[in-house]
Each structure stands twice: as structure tokens, then as C-alpha cells.
Amino acid sequence: MSCHTPTLGLVKLRASQINGCAYCVDMHTRDMKQAGESDERLWMVAAWREAAVFTAAERAALALTEEATRLADRAVVSDAVWQQAAEHYSEEQLALLLVAIGMINNWNRILVGAGVTPGT
């Protein structure tokens, strides 16, 4: 998994949606669209559990993203979500996913905290 895979785009978009970072939602949606992502998949990220357009690996990454982003809700990533991700990604890839999740969460907090909005 490279730094610019569709999966990492989904991770960045989903964390940004959860965190209410309009700037990042706008930026990552535009970047993904420019990279060839379909409108349907972009629209379905917020409801990924019910959407049939994501692979099992992407679903595992999105579940990991949600739990790692919402640490205030449970303080840890559940064993079930971790195991599901480990079935699809190597240790190196899991480390990359966690770093990407941590970094987008930090950027979301910086931009929301500074009041940055799309077009500014």
C-alpha cells in the first residue's frame, strides 16, 4: 500500500467526516475524484456499512478508522476490528494505516480549531 491508494483516500475522507472538518472533506473528495474515484463511492463513504461498493479490505480500513478516530467513545480499538484489519493488511500496512489515521485526525483538529473552511 502506497501513500496514495484509494484506501488511504477513504480513510482520510471518513475521519474528516466524523470530525466535521469541511475543509478536509472538500479537499479529499476533490483529490479522490481527480484520481478517478467514482461519485457513487464518494457519496457512500458516510454510509459504508450499508453500501456494497467497498471491498472487504476497504471495509476493514474504514472500521479501523472509525474506532481509532472515536477513541473518546471506547478508548481502544476493539480486538474484532483489529483482527479484521489484520486479515487484509500486513503489519507494515497496518502501521501505515494507523499513521494516516492519526495524521488526518491531527489535521482535522488543526483546521477545525483554526476555523478553516473550504475556499479559504
PDB file of N, CA and C in Angstrom:
ATOM      1  N   MET A   1       0.855  -1.176   0.000  1.00  0.00           N
ATOM      2  CA  MET A   1       0.000   0.000   0.000  1.00  0.00           C
ATOM      3  C   MET A   1       0.894   1.230   0.000  1.00  0.00           C
ATOM      4  N   SER A   2       0.689   2.072  -0.985  1.00  0.00           N
ATOM      5  CA  SER A   2       1.460   3.314  -1.047  1.00  0.00           C
ATOM      6  C   SER A   2       0.714   4.418  -0.314  1.00  0.00           C
ATOM      7  N   CYS A   3       1.309   5.578  -0.280  1.00  0.00           N
ATOM      8  CA  CYS A   3       0.702   6.711   0.425  1.00  0.00           C
ATOM      9  C   CYS A   3      -0.499   7.288  -0.311  1.00  0.00           C
ATOM     10  N   HIS A   4      -0.736   6.870  -1.545  1.00  0.00           N
ATOM     11  CA  HIS A   4      -1.804   7.486  -2.344  1.00  0.00           C
ATOM     12  C   HIS A   4      -2.801   6.457  -2.870  1.00  0.00           C
ATOM     13  N   THR A   5      -3.081   5.448  -2.087  1.00  0.00           N
ATOM     14  CA  THR A   5      -4.035   4.435  -2.532  1.00  0.00           C
ATOM     15  C   THR A   5      -5.468   4.918  -2.332  1.00  0.00           C
ATOM     16  N   PRO A   6      -6.400   4.321  -3.054  1.00  0.00           N
ATOM     17  CA  PRO A   6      -7.812   4.652  -2.805  1.00  0.00           C
ATOM     18  C   PRO A   6      -8.209   4.401  -1.350  1.00  0.00           C
ATOM     19  N   THR A   7      -7.661   3.359  -0.740  1.00  0.00           N
ATOM     20  CA  THR A   7      -7.990   3.062   0.659  1.00  0.00           C
ATOM     21  C   THR A   7      -7.589   4.207   1.568  1.00  0.00           C
ATOM     22  N   LEU A   8      -6.411   4.759   1.394  1.00  0.00           N
ATOM     23  CA  LEU A   8      -5.993   5.876   2.243  1.00  0.00           C
ATOM     24  C   LEU A   8      -6.859   7.104   1.983  1.00  0.00           C
ATOM     25  N   GLY A   9      -7.309   7.290   0.773  1.00  0.00           N
ATOM     26  CA  GLY A   9      -8.243   8.377   0.499  1.00  0.00           C
ATOM     27  C   GLY A   9      -9.548   8.187   1.251  1.00  0.00           C
ATOM     28  N   LEU A  10     -10.051   6.950   1.259  1.00  0.00           N
ATOM     29  CA  LEU A  10     -11.277   6.656   2.007  1.00  0.00           C
ATOM     30  C   LEU A  10     -11.091   6.911   3.495  1.00  0.00           C
ATOM     31  N   VAL A  11      -9.939   6.509   4.024  1.00  0.00           N
ATOM     32  CA  VAL A  11      -9.617   6.717   5.446  1.00  0.00           C
ATOM     33  C   VAL A  11      -9.622   8.206   5.777  1.00  0.00           C
ATOM     34  N   LYS A  12      -8.960   8.990   4.956  1.00  0.00           N
ATOM     35  CA  LYS A  12      -8.887  10.438   5.202  1.00  0.00           C
ATOM     36  C   LYS A  12     -10.265  11.078   5.116  1.00  0.00           C
ATOM     37  N   LEU A  13     -11.042  10.663   4.133  1.00  0.00           N
ATOM     38  CA  LEU A  13     -12.374  11.226   3.973  1.00  0.00           C
ATOM     39  C   LEU A  13     -13.269  10.845   5.153  1.00  0.00           C
ATOM     40  N   ARG A  14     -13.246   9.586   5.561  1.00  0.00           N
ATOM     41  CA  ARG A  14     -14.136   9.156   6.645  1.00  0.00           C
ATOM     42  C   ARG A  14     -13.778   9.833   7.962  1.00  0.00           C
ATOM     43  N   ALA A  15     -12.508   9.893   8.297  1.00  0.00           N
ATOM     44  CA  ALA A  15     -12.112  10.572   9.541  1.00  0.00           C
ATOM     45  C   ALA A  15     -12.522  12.036   9.501  1.00  0.00           C
ATOM     46  N   SER A  16     -12.354  12.674   8.365  1.00  0.00           N
ATOM     47  CA  SER A  16     -12.720  14.087   8.224  1.00  0.00           C
ATOM     48  C   SER A  16     -14.221  14.290   8.357  1.00  0.00           C
ATOM     49  N   GLN A  17     -15.009  13.339   7.850  1.00  0.00           N
ATOM     50  CA  GLN A  17     -16.459  13.413   8.034  1.00  0.00           C
ATOM     51  C   GLN A  17     -16.811  13.313   9.515  1.00  0.00           C
ATOM     52  N   ILE A  18     -16.228  12.345  10.191  1.00  0.00           N
ATOM     53  CA  ILE A  18     -16.505  12.143  11.617  1.00  0.00           C
ATOM     54  C   ILE A  18     -16.143  13.387  12.414  1.00  0.00           C
ATOM     55  N   ASN A  19     -15.014  13.998  12.089  1.00  0.00           N
ATOM     56  CA  ASN A  19     -14.518  15.150  12.827  1.00  0.00           C
ATOM     57  C   ASN A  19     -15.147  16.471  12.390  1.00  0.00           C
ATOM     58  N   GLY A  20     -15.982  16.446  11.372  1.00  0.00           N
ATOM     59  CA  GLY A  20     -16.649  17.661  10.917  1.00  0.00           C
ATOM     60  C   GLY A  20     -15.708  18.678  10.316  1.00  0.00           C
ATOM     61  N   CYS A  21     -14.655  18.198   9.643  1.00  0.00           N
ATOM     62  CA  CYS A  21     -13.692  19.105   9.024  1.00  0.00           C
ATOM     63  C   CYS A  21     -14.089  19.321   7.556  1.00  0.00           C
ATOM     64  N   ALA A  22     -14.853  20.381   7.304  1.00  0.00           N
ATOM     65  CA  ALA A  22     -15.347  20.664   5.959  1.00  0.00           C
ATOM     66  C   ALA A  22     -14.203  20.867   4.967  1.00  0.00           C
ATOM     67  N   TYR A  23     -13.144  21.519   5.408  1.00  0.00           N
ATOM     68  CA  TYR A  23     -12.011  21.767   4.521  1.00  0.00           C
ATOM     69  C   TYR A  23     -11.428  20.437   4.030  1.00  0.00           C
ATOM     70  N   CYS A  24     -11.194  19.500   4.958  1.00  0.00           N
ATOM     71  CA  CYS A  24     -10.593  18.218   4.580  1.00  0.00           C
ATOM     72  C   CYS A  24     -11.561  17.350   3.787  1.00  0.00           C
ATOM     73  N   VAL A  25     -12.859  17.370   4.126  1.00  0.00           N
ATOM     74  CA  VAL A  25     -13.838  16.621   3.348  1.00  0.00           C
ATOM     75  C   VAL A  25     -13.819  17.124   1.910  1.00  0.00           C
ATOM     76  N   ASP A  26     -13.826  18.419   1.737  1.00  0.00           N
ATOM     77  CA  ASP A  26     -13.790  19.023   0.406  1.00  0.00           C
ATOM     78  C   ASP A  26     -12.501  18.637  -0.323  1.00  0.00           C
ATOM     79  N   MET A  27     -11.371  18.813   0.321  1.00  0.00           N
ATOM     80  CA  MET A  27     -10.082  18.552  -0.316  1.00  0.00           C
ATOM     81  C   MET A  27      -9.925  17.081  -0.704  1.00  0.00           C
ATOM     82  N   HIS A  28     -10.229  16.180   0.225  1.00  0.00           N
ATOM     83  CA  HIS A  28     -10.021  14.758  -0.070  1.00  0.00           C
ATOM     84  C   HIS A  28     -11.031  14.233  -1.077  1.00  0.00           C
ATOM     85  N   THR A  29     -12.239  14.748  -1.058  1.00  0.00           N
ATOM     86  CA  THR A  29     -13.217  14.358  -2.072  1.00  0.00           C
ATOM     87  C   THR A  29     -12.746  14.803  -3.449  1.00  0.00           C
ATOM     88  N   ARG A  30     -12.276  16.027  -3.546  1.00  0.00           N
ATOM     89  CA  ARG A  30     -11.773  16.533  -4.837  1.00  0.00           C
ATOM     90  C   ARG A  30     -10.556  15.739  -5.304  1.00  0.00           C
ATOM     91  N   ASP A  31      -9.614  15.471  -4.385  1.00  0.00           N
ATOM     92  CA  ASP A  31      -8.417  14.696  -4.737  1.00  0.00           C
ATOM     93  C   ASP A  31      -8.784  13.301  -5.229  1.00  0.00           C
ATOM     94  N   MET A  32      -9.718  12.662  -4.526  1.00  0.00           N
ATOM     95  CA  MET A  32     -10.121  11.311  -4.909  1.00  0.00           C
ATOM     96  C   MET A  32     -10.841  11.311  -6.256  1.00  0.00           C
ATOM     97  N   LYS A  33     -11.677  12.291  -6.472  1.00  0.00           N
ATOM     98  CA  LYS A  33     -12.388  12.416  -7.754  1.00  0.00           C
ATOM     99  C   LYS A  33     -11.387  12.606  -8.892  1.00  0.00           C
ATOM    100  N   GLN A  34     -10.391  13.467  -8.663  1.00  0.00           N
ATOM    101  CA  GLN A  34      -9.366  13.714  -9.677  1.00  0.00           C
ATOM    102  C   GLN A  34      -8.555  12.446  -9.958  1.00  0.00           C
ATOM    103  N   ALA A  35      -8.396  11.600  -8.947  1.00  0.00           N
ATOM    104  CA  ALA A  35      -7.642  10.353  -9.112  1.00  0.00           C
ATOM    105  C   ALA A  35      -8.489   9.241  -9.735  1.00  0.00           C
ATOM    106  N   GLY A  36      -9.769   9.552 -10.045  1.00  0.00           N
ATOM    107  CA  GLY A  36     -10.604   8.593 -10.734  1.00  0.00           C
ATOM    108  C   GLY A  36     -11.643   7.881  -9.880  1.00  0.00           C
ATOM    109  N   GLU A  37     -11.776   8.284  -8.625  1.00  0.00           N
ATOM    110  CA  GLU A  37     -12.779   7.660  -7.761  1.00  0.00           C
ATOM    111  C   GLU A  37     -14.178   7.993  -8.259  1.00  0.00           C
ATOM    112  N   SER A  38     -15.094   7.038  -8.155  1.00  0.00           N
ATOM    113  CA  SER A  38     -16.456   7.252  -8.651  1.00  0.00           C
ATOM    114  C   SER A  38     -17.269   8.102  -7.682  1.00  0.00           C
ATOM    115  N   ASP A  39     -18.237   8.809  -8.246  1.00  0.00           N
ATOM    116  CA  ASP A  39     -19.147   9.592  -7.409  1.00  0.00           C
ATOM    117  C   ASP A  39     -19.865   8.690  -6.421  1.00  0.00           C
ATOM    118  N   GLU A  40     -20.316   7.527  -6.874  1.00  0.00           N
ATOM    119  CA  GLU A  40     -21.059   6.615  -6.008  1.00  0.00           C
ATOM    120  C   GLU A  40     -20.262   6.246  -4.761  1.00  0.00           C
ATOM    121  N   ARG A  41     -19.005   5.898  -4.935  1.00  0.00           N
ATOM    122  CA  ARG A  41     -18.181   5.523  -3.775  1.00  0.00           C
ATOM    123  C   ARG A  41     -17.948   6.726  -2.864  1.00  0.00           C
ATOM    124  N   LEU A  42     -17.749   7.898  -3.443  1.00  0.00           N
ATOM    125  CA  LEU A  42     -17.567   9.098  -2.617  1.00  0.00           C
ATOM    126  C   LEU A  42     -18.821   9.393  -1.806  1.00  0.00           C
ATOM    127  N   TRP A  43     -19.978   9.267  -2.415  1.00  0.00           N
ATOM    128  CA  TRP A  43     -21.242   9.526  -1.721  1.00  0.00           C
ATOM    129  C   TRP A  43     -21.481   8.515  -0.606  1.00  0.00           C
ATOM    130  N   MET A  44     -21.011   7.294  -0.791  1.00  0.00           N
ATOM    131  CA  MET A  44     -21.325   6.208   0.128  1.00  0.00           C
ATOM    132  C   MET A  44     -20.368   6.081   1.318  1.00  0.00           C
ATOM    133  N   VAL A  45     -19.295   6.858   1.364  1.00  0.00           N
ATOM    134  CA  VAL A  45     -18.331   6.732   2.459  1.00  0.00           C
ATOM    135  C   VAL A  45     -19.001   6.922   3.815  1.00  0.00           C
ATOM    136  N   ALA A  46     -19.894   7.881   3.931  1.00  0.00           N
ATOM    137  CA  ALA A  46     -20.550   8.135   5.223  1.00  0.00           C
ATOM    138  C   ALA A  46     -21.445   6.975   5.649  1.00  0.00           C
ATOM    139  N   ALA A  47     -21.880   6.161   4.706  1.00  0.00           N
ATOM    140  CA  ALA A  47     -22.752   5.022   5.000  1.00  0.00           C
ATOM    141  C   ALA A  47     -22.117   3.726   4.500  1.00  0.00           C
ATOM    142  N   TRP A  48     -20.823   3.593   4.677  1.00  0.00           N
ATOM    143  CA  TRP A  48     -20.068   2.488   4.102  1.00  0.00           C
ATOM    144  C   TRP A  48     -20.559   1.112   4.545  1.00  0.00           C
ATOM    145  N   ARG A  49     -21.085   0.991   5.752  1.00  0.00           N
ATOM    146  CA  ARG A  49     -21.547  -0.319   6.225  1.00  0.00           C
ATOM    147  C   ARG A  49     -22.705  -0.855   5.372  1.00  0.00           C
ATOM    148  N   GLU A  50     -23.546   0.029   4.888  1.00  0.00           N
ATOM    149  CA  GLU A  50     -24.706  -0.367   4.107  1.00  0.00           C
ATOM    150  C   GLU A  50     -24.449  -0.366   2.605  1.00  0.00           C
ATOM    151  N   ALA A  51     -23.319   0.116   2.176  1.00  0.00           N
ATOM    152  CA  ALA A  51     -23.017   0.247   0.748  1.00  0.00           C
ATOM    153  C   ALA A  51     -22.236  -0.966   0.243  1.00  0.00           C
ATOM    154  N   ALA A  52     -22.619  -1.463  -0.910  1.00  0.00           N
ATOM    155  CA  ALA A  52     -21.972  -2.645  -1.487  1.00  0.00           C
ATOM    156  C   ALA A  52     -20.794  -2.294  -2.393  1.00  0.00           C
ATOM    157  N   VAL A  53     -20.349  -1.050  -2.378  1.00  0.00           N
ATOM    158  CA  VAL A  53     -19.319  -0.607  -3.322  1.00  0.00           C
ATOM    159  C   VAL A  53     -17.896  -0.690  -2.768  1.00  0.00           C
ATOM    160  N   PHE A  54     -17.742  -1.181  -1.535  1.00  0.00           N
ATOM    161  CA  PHE A  54     -16.418  -1.248  -0.925  1.00  0.00           C
ATOM    162  C   PHE A  54     -15.983  -2.697  -0.750  1.00  0.00           C
ATOM    163  N   THR A  55     -14.693  -2.933  -0.937  1.00  0.00           N
ATOM    164  CA  THR A  55     -14.147  -4.280  -0.752  1.00  0.00           C
ATOM    165  C   THR A  55     -14.080  -4.606   0.737  1.00  0.00           C
ATOM    166  N   ALA A  56     -13.859  -5.873   1.033  1.00  0.00           N
ATOM    167  CA  ALA A  56     -13.712  -6.301   2.431  1.00  0.00           C
ATOM    168  C   ALA A  56     -12.524  -5.600   3.080  1.00  0.00           C
ATOM    169  N   ALA A  57     -11.448  -5.428   2.340  1.00  0.00           N
ATOM    170  CA  ALA A  57     -10.271  -4.741   2.877  1.00  0.00           C
ATOM    171  C   ALA A  57     -10.580  -3.270   3.161  1.00  0.00           C
ATOM    172  N   GLU A  58     -11.293  -2.615   2.249  1.00  0.00           N
ATOM    173  CA  GLU A  58     -11.664  -1.216   2.471  1.00  0.00           C
ATOM    174  C   GLU A  58     -12.590  -1.085   3.675  1.00  0.00           C
ATOM    175  N   ARG A  59     -13.506  -2.021   3.835  1.00  0.00           N
ATOM    176  CA  ARG A  59     -14.408  -2.008   4.983  1.00  0.00           C
ATOM    177  C   ARG A  59     -13.618  -2.148   6.284  1.00  0.00           C
ATOM    178  N   ALA A  60     -12.621  -3.018   6.271  1.00  0.00           N
ATOM    179  CA  ALA A  60     -11.782  -3.204   7.460  1.00  0.00           C
ATOM    180  C   ALA A  60     -11.033  -1.908   7.785  1.00  0.00           C
ATOM    181  N   ALA A  61     -10.521  -1.236   6.763  1.00  0.00           N
ATOM    182  CA  ALA A  61      -9.810   0.028   6.971  1.00  0.00           C
ATOM    183  C   ALA A  61     -10.754   1.118   7.480  1.00  0.00           C
ATOM    184  N   LEU A  62     -11.966   1.149   6.956  1.00  0.00           N
ATOM    185  CA  LEU A  62     -12.945   2.139   7.414  1.00  0.00           C
ATOM    186  C   LEU A  62     -13.375   1.868   8.855  1.00  0.00           C
ATOM    187  N   ALA A  63     -13.546   0.606   9.217  1.00  0.00           N
ATOM    188  CA  ALA A  63     -13.889   0.272  10.605  1.00  0.00           C
ATOM    189  C   ALA A  63     -12.762   0.678  11.546  1.00  0.00           C
ATOM    190  N   LEU A  64     -11.520   0.410  11.148  1.00  0.00           N
ATOM    191  CA  LEU A  64     -10.362   0.816  11.953  1.00  0.00           C
ATOM    192  C   LEU A  64     -10.321   2.334  12.070  1.00  0.00           C
ATOM    193  N   THR A  65     -10.586   3.023  10.992  1.00  0.00           N
ATOM    194  CA  THR A  65     -10.601   4.491  11.004  1.00  0.00           C
ATOM    195  C   THR A  65     -11.630   5.006  12.001  1.00  0.00           C
ATOM    196  N   GLU A  66     -12.821   4.461  11.949  1.00  0.00           N
ATOM    197  CA  GLU A  66     -13.872   4.935  12.854  1.00  0.00           C
ATOM    198  C   GLU A  66     -13.503   4.713  14.315  1.00  0.00           C
ATOM    199  N   GLU A  67     -13.020   3.527  14.639  1.00  0.00           N
ATOM    200  CA  GLU A  67     -12.697   3.260  16.043  1.00  0.00           C
ATOM    201  C   GLU A  67     -11.488   4.060  16.509  1.00  0.00           C
ATOM    202  N   ALA A  68     -10.480   4.220  15.656  1.00  0.00           N
ATOM    203  CA  ALA A  68      -9.298   4.992  16.045  1.00  0.00           C
ATOM    204  C   ALA A  68      -9.598   6.483  16.110  1.00  0.00           C
ATOM    205  N   THR A  69     -10.582   6.947  15.353  1.00  0.00           N
ATOM    206  CA  THR A  69     -10.970   8.354  15.370  1.00  0.00           C
ATOM    207  C   THR A  69     -11.871   8.658  16.565  1.00  0.00           C
ATOM    208  N   ARG A  70     -12.683   7.713  16.933  1.00  0.00           N
ATOM    209  CA  ARG A  70     -13.642   7.903  18.036  1.00  0.00           C
ATOM    210  C   ARG A  70     -13.138   7.299  19.345  1.00  0.00           C
ATOM    211  N   LEU A  71     -11.898   7.521  19.673  1.00  0.00           N
ATOM    212  CA  LEU A  71     -11.321   6.951  20.890  1.00  0.00           C
ATOM    213  C   LEU A  71     -12.048   7.412  22.152  1.00  0.00           C
ATOM    214  N   ALA A  72     -12.637   8.579  22.122  1.00  0.00           N
ATOM    215  CA  ALA A  72     -13.373   9.057  23.298  1.00  0.00           C
ATOM    216  C   ALA A  72     -14.567   8.164  23.598  1.00  0.00           C
ATOM    217  N   ASP A  73     -15.066   7.432  22.609  1.00  0.00           N
ATOM    218  CA  ASP A  73     -16.220   6.560  22.797  1.00  0.00           C
ATOM    219  C   ASP A  73     -15.870   5.230  23.453  1.00  0.00           C
ATOM    220  N   ARG A  74     -14.630   4.766  23.268  1.00  0.00           N
ATOM    221  CA  ARG A  74     -14.294   3.455  23.818  1.00  0.00           C
ATOM    222  C   ARG A  74     -12.844   3.335  24.275  1.00  0.00           C
ATOM    223  N   ALA A  75     -11.992   4.271  24.009  1.00  0.00           N
ATOM    224  CA  ALA A  75     -10.597   4.357  24.465  1.00  0.00           C
ATOM    225  C   ALA A  75      -9.641   3.359  23.823  1.00  0.00           C
ATOM    226  N   VAL A  76     -10.139   2.365  23.108  1.00  0.00           N
ATOM    227  CA  VAL A  76      -9.269   1.420  22.398  1.00  0.00           C
ATOM    228  C   VAL A  76      -9.938   0.988  21.106  1.00  0.00           C
ATOM    229  N   VAL A  77      -9.145   0.478  20.194  1.00  0.00           N
ATOM    230  CA  VAL A  77      -9.684  -0.177  19.008  1.00  0.00           C
ATOM    231  C   VAL A  77     -10.021  -1.603  19.430  1.00  0.00           C
ATOM    232  N   SER A  78     -11.217  -2.049  19.147  1.00  0.00           N
ATOM    233  CA  SER A  78     -11.643  -3.383  19.583  1.00  0.00           C
ATOM    234  C   SER A  78     -10.799  -4.476  18.927  1.00  0.00           C
ATOM    235  N   ASP A  79     -10.691  -5.586  19.622  1.00  0.00           N
ATOM    236  CA  ASP A  79      -9.956  -6.731  19.087  1.00  0.00           C
ATOM    237  C   ASP A  79     -10.574  -7.208  17.777  1.00  0.00           C
ATOM    238  N   ALA A  80     -11.899  -7.175  17.692  1.00  0.00           N
ATOM    239  CA  ALA A  80     -12.571  -7.647  16.478  1.00  0.00           C
ATOM    240  C   ALA A  80     -12.212  -6.786  15.274  1.00  0.00           C
ATOM    241  N   VAL A  81     -12.212  -5.470  15.459  1.00  0.00           N
ATOM    242  CA  VAL A  81     -11.876  -4.560  14.352  1.00  0.00           C
ATOM    243  C   VAL A  81     -10.402  -4.716  13.984  1.00  0.00           C
ATOM    244  N   TRP A  82      -9.542  -4.829  14.976  1.00  0.00           N
ATOM    245  CA  TRP A  82      -8.109  -5.012  14.700  1.00  0.00           C
ATOM    246  C   TRP A  82      -7.880  -6.314  13.937  1.00  0.00           C
ATOM    247  N   GLN A  83      -8.504  -7.399  14.372  1.00  0.00           N
ATOM    248  CA  GLN A  83      -8.334  -8.691  13.719  1.00  0.00           C
ATOM    249  C   GLN A  83      -8.834  -8.649  12.278  1.00  0.00           C
ATOM    250  N   GLN A  84      -9.958  -7.985  12.072  1.00  0.00           N
ATOM    251  CA  GLN A  84     -10.496  -7.855  10.719  1.00  0.00           C
ATOM    252  C   GLN A  84      -9.498  -7.126   9.821  1.00  0.00           C
ATOM    253  N   ALA A  85      -8.917  -6.056  10.321  1.00  0.00           N
ATOM    254  CA  ALA A  85      -7.919  -5.316   9.540  1.00  0.00           C
ATOM    255  C   ALA A  85      -6.677  -6.166   9.296  1.00  0.00           C
ATOM    256  N   ALA A  86      -6.252  -6.911  10.309  1.00  0.00           N
ATOM    257  CA  ALA A  86      -5.057  -7.749  10.182  1.00  0.00           C
ATOM    258  C   ALA A  86      -5.237  -8.873   9.170  1.00  0.00           C
ATOM    259  N   GLU A  87      -6.474  -9.237   8.896  1.00  0.00           N
ATOM    260  CA  GLU A  87      -6.741 -10.255   7.871  1.00  0.00           C
ATOM    261  C   GLU A  87      -6.495  -9.724   6.461  1.00  0.00           C
ATOM    262  N   HIS A  88      -6.504  -8.411   6.308  1.00  0.00           N
ATOM    263  CA  HIS A  88      -6.368  -7.810   4.979  1.00  0.00           C
ATOM    264  C   HIS A  88      -5.065  -7.056   4.760  1.00  0.00           C
ATOM    265  N   TYR A  89      -4.386  -6.699   5.844  1.00  0.00           N
ATOM    266  CA  TYR A  89      -3.193  -5.858   5.735  1.00  0.00           C
ATOM    267  C   TYR A  89      -2.043  -6.456   6.528  1.00  0.00           C
ATOM    268  N   SER A  90      -0.844  -6.286   5.991  1.00  0.00           N
ATOM    269  CA  SER A  90       0.367  -6.729   6.685  1.00  0.00           C
ATOM    270  C   SER A  90       0.625  -5.809   7.880  1.00  0.00           C
ATOM    271  N   GLU A  91       1.565  -6.187   8.721  1.00  0.00           N
ATOM    272  CA  GLU A  91       1.916  -5.330   9.862  1.00  0.00           C
ATOM    273  C   GLU A  91       2.372  -3.958   9.382  1.00  0.00           C
ATOM    274  N   GLU A  92       3.159  -3.921   8.321  1.00  0.00           N
ATOM    275  CA  GLU A  92       3.638  -2.649   7.773  1.00  0.00           C
ATOM    276  C   GLU A  92       2.467  -1.805   7.261  1.00  0.00           C
ATOM    277  N   GLN A  93       1.534  -2.438   6.578  1.00  0.00           N
ATOM    278  CA  GLN A  93       0.365  -1.725   6.068  1.00  0.00           C
ATOM    279  C   GLN A  93      -0.529  -1.229   7.203  1.00  0.00           C
ATOM    280  N   LEU A  94      -0.688  -2.034   8.252  1.00  0.00           N
ATOM    281  CA  LEU A  94      -1.460  -1.597   9.417  1.00  0.00           C
ATOM    282  C   LEU A  94      -0.803  -0.387  10.073  1.00  0.00           C
ATOM    283  N   ALA A  95       0.510  -0.413  10.162  1.00  0.00           N
ATOM    284  CA  ALA A  95       1.234   0.734  10.732  1.00  0.00           C
ATOM    285  C   ALA A  95       0.991   1.976   9.879  1.00  0.00           C
ATOM    286  N   LEU A  96       1.038   1.830   8.565  1.00  0.00           N
ATOM    287  CA  LEU A  96       0.776   2.954   7.661  1.00  0.00           C
ATOM    288  C   LEU A  96      -0.651   3.472   7.829  1.00  0.00           C
ATOM    289  N   LEU A  97      -1.604   2.566   7.948  1.00  0.00           N
ATOM    290  CA  LEU A  97      -2.989   2.985   8.178  1.00  0.00           C
ATOM    291  C   LEU A  97      -3.128   3.770   9.476  1.00  0.00           C
ATOM    292  N   LEU A  98      -2.516   3.270  10.552  1.00  0.00           N
ATOM    293  CA  LEU A  98      -2.607   3.967  11.835  1.00  0.00           C
ATOM    294  C   LEU A  98      -1.961   5.343  11.785  1.00  0.00           C
ATOM    295  N   VAL A  99      -0.837   5.448  11.113  1.00  0.00           N
ATOM    296  CA  VAL A  99      -0.192   6.756  10.969  1.00  0.00           C
ATOM    297  C   VAL A  99      -1.083   7.687  10.161  1.00  0.00           C
ATOM    298  N   ALA A 100      -1.658   7.185   9.074  1.00  0.00           N
ATOM    299  CA  ALA A 100      -2.553   8.008   8.249  1.00  0.00           C
ATOM    300  C   ALA A 100      -3.769   8.455   9.053  1.00  0.00           C
ATOM    301  N   ILE A 101      -4.338   7.557   9.833  1.00  0.00           N
ATOM    302  CA  ILE A 101      -5.495   7.903  10.664  1.00  0.00           C
ATOM    303  C   ILE A 101      -5.110   8.959  11.692  1.00  0.00           C
ATOM    304  N   GLY A 102      -3.985   8.762  12.338  1.00  0.00           N
ATOM    305  CA  GLY A 102      -3.520   9.747  13.325  1.00  0.00           C
ATOM    306  C   GLY A 102      -3.248  11.100  12.700  1.00  0.00           C
ATOM    307  N   MET A 103      -2.614  11.102  11.543  1.00  0.00           N
ATOM    308  CA  MET A 103      -2.274  12.368  10.897  1.00  0.00           C
ATOM    309  C   MET A 103      -3.510  13.119  10.427  1.00  0.00           C
ATOM    310  N   ILE A 104      -4.487  12.412   9.825  1.00  0.00           N
ATOM    311  CA  ILE A 104      -5.670  13.128   9.358  1.00  0.00           C
ATOM    312  C   ILE A 104      -6.471  13.650  10.547  1.00  0.00           C
ATOM    313  N   ASN A 105      -6.506  12.888  11.630  1.00  0.00           N
ATOM    314  CA  ASN A 105      -7.191  13.387  12.825  1.00  0.00           C
ATOM    315  C   ASN A 105      -6.516  14.647  13.349  1.00  0.00           C
ATOM    316  N   ASN A 106      -5.190  14.687  13.329  1.00  0.00           N
ATOM    317  CA  ASN A 106      -4.477  15.904  13.751  1.00  0.00           C
ATOM    318  C   ASN A 106      -4.784  17.066  12.821  1.00  0.00           C
ATOM    319  N   TRP A 107      -4.735  16.833  11.509  1.00  0.00           N
ATOM    320  CA  TRP A 107      -5.040  17.911  10.563  1.00  0.00           C
ATOM    321  C   TRP A 107      -6.475  18.402  10.733  1.00  0.00           C
ATOM    322  N   ASN A 108      -7.409  17.474  10.950  1.00  0.00           N
ATOM    323  CA  ASN A 108      -8.804  17.875  11.179  1.00  0.00           C
ATOM    324  C   ASN A 108      -8.892  18.809  12.380  1.00  0.00           C
ATOM    325  N   ARG A 109      -8.240  18.467  13.452  1.00  0.00           N
ATOM    326  CA  ARG A 109      -8.298  19.280  14.667  1.00  0.00           C
ATOM    327  C   ARG A 109      -7.651  20.649  14.474  1.00  0.00           C
ATOM    328  N   ILE A 110      -6.549  20.666  13.753  1.00  0.00           N
ATOM    329  CA  ILE A 110      -5.879  21.944  13.481  1.00  0.00           C
ATOM    330  C   ILE A 110      -6.785  22.846  12.645  1.00  0.00           C
ATOM    331  N   LEU A 111      -7.331  22.309  11.562  1.00  0.00           N
ATOM    332  CA  LEU A 111      -8.128  23.120  10.650  1.00  0.00           C
ATOM    333  C   LEU A 111      -9.474  23.514  11.244  1.00  0.00           C
ATOM    334  N   VAL A 112     -10.129  22.594  11.956  1.00  0.00           N
ATOM    335  CA  VAL A 112     -11.385  22.947  12.617  1.00  0.00           C
ATOM    336  C   VAL A 112     -11.110  23.982  13.716  1.00  0.00           C
ATOM    337  N   GLY A 113     -10.050  23.752  14.471  1.00  0.00           N
ATOM    338  CA  GLY A 113      -9.694  24.685  15.549  1.00  0.00           C
ATOM    339  C   GLY A 113      -9.376  26.077  15.040  1.00  0.00           C
ATOM    340  N   ALA A 114      -8.780  26.143  13.868  1.00  0.00           N
ATOM    341  CA  ALA A 114      -8.441  27.445  13.289  1.00  0.00           C
ATOM    342  C   ALA A 114      -9.589  28.040  12.485  1.00  0.00           C
ATOM    343  N   GLY A 115     -10.686  27.305  12.357  1.00  0.00           N
ATOM    344  CA  GLY A 115     -11.841  27.817  11.630  1.00  0.00           C
ATOM    345  C   GLY A 115     -11.651  27.875  10.136  1.00  0.00           C
ATOM    346  N   VAL A 116     -10.790  27.018   9.606  1.00  0.00           N
ATOM    347  CA  VAL A 116     -10.541  26.998   8.166  1.00  0.00           C
ATOM    348  C   VAL A 116     -11.698  26.276   7.478  1.00  0.00           C
ATOM    349  N   THR A 117     -12.231  26.871   6.439  1.00  0.00           N
ATOM    350  CA  THR A 117     -13.339  26.283   5.683  1.00  0.00           C
ATOM    351  C   THR A 117     -12.961  26.205   4.212  1.00  0.00           C
ATOM    352  N   PRO A 118     -13.687  25.383   3.444  1.00  0.00           N
ATOM    353  CA  PRO A 118     -13.372  25.311   2.011  1.00  0.00           C
ATOM    354  C   PRO A 118     -13.434  26.692   1.357  1.00  0.00           C
ATOM    355  N   GLY A 119     -12.500  26.909   0.465  1.00  0.00           N
ATOM    356  CA  GLY A 119     -12.453  28.177  -0.245  1.00  0.00           C
ATOM    357  C   GLY A 119     -11.670  29.263   0.482  1.00  0.00           C
ATOM    358  N   THR A 120     -11.109  28.902   1.658  1.00  0.00           N
ATOM    359  CA  THR A 120     -10.317  29.911   2.395  1.00  0.00           C
ATOM    360  C   THR A 120      -8.837  29.580   2.333  1.00  0.00           C
TER     361      THR A 120
END
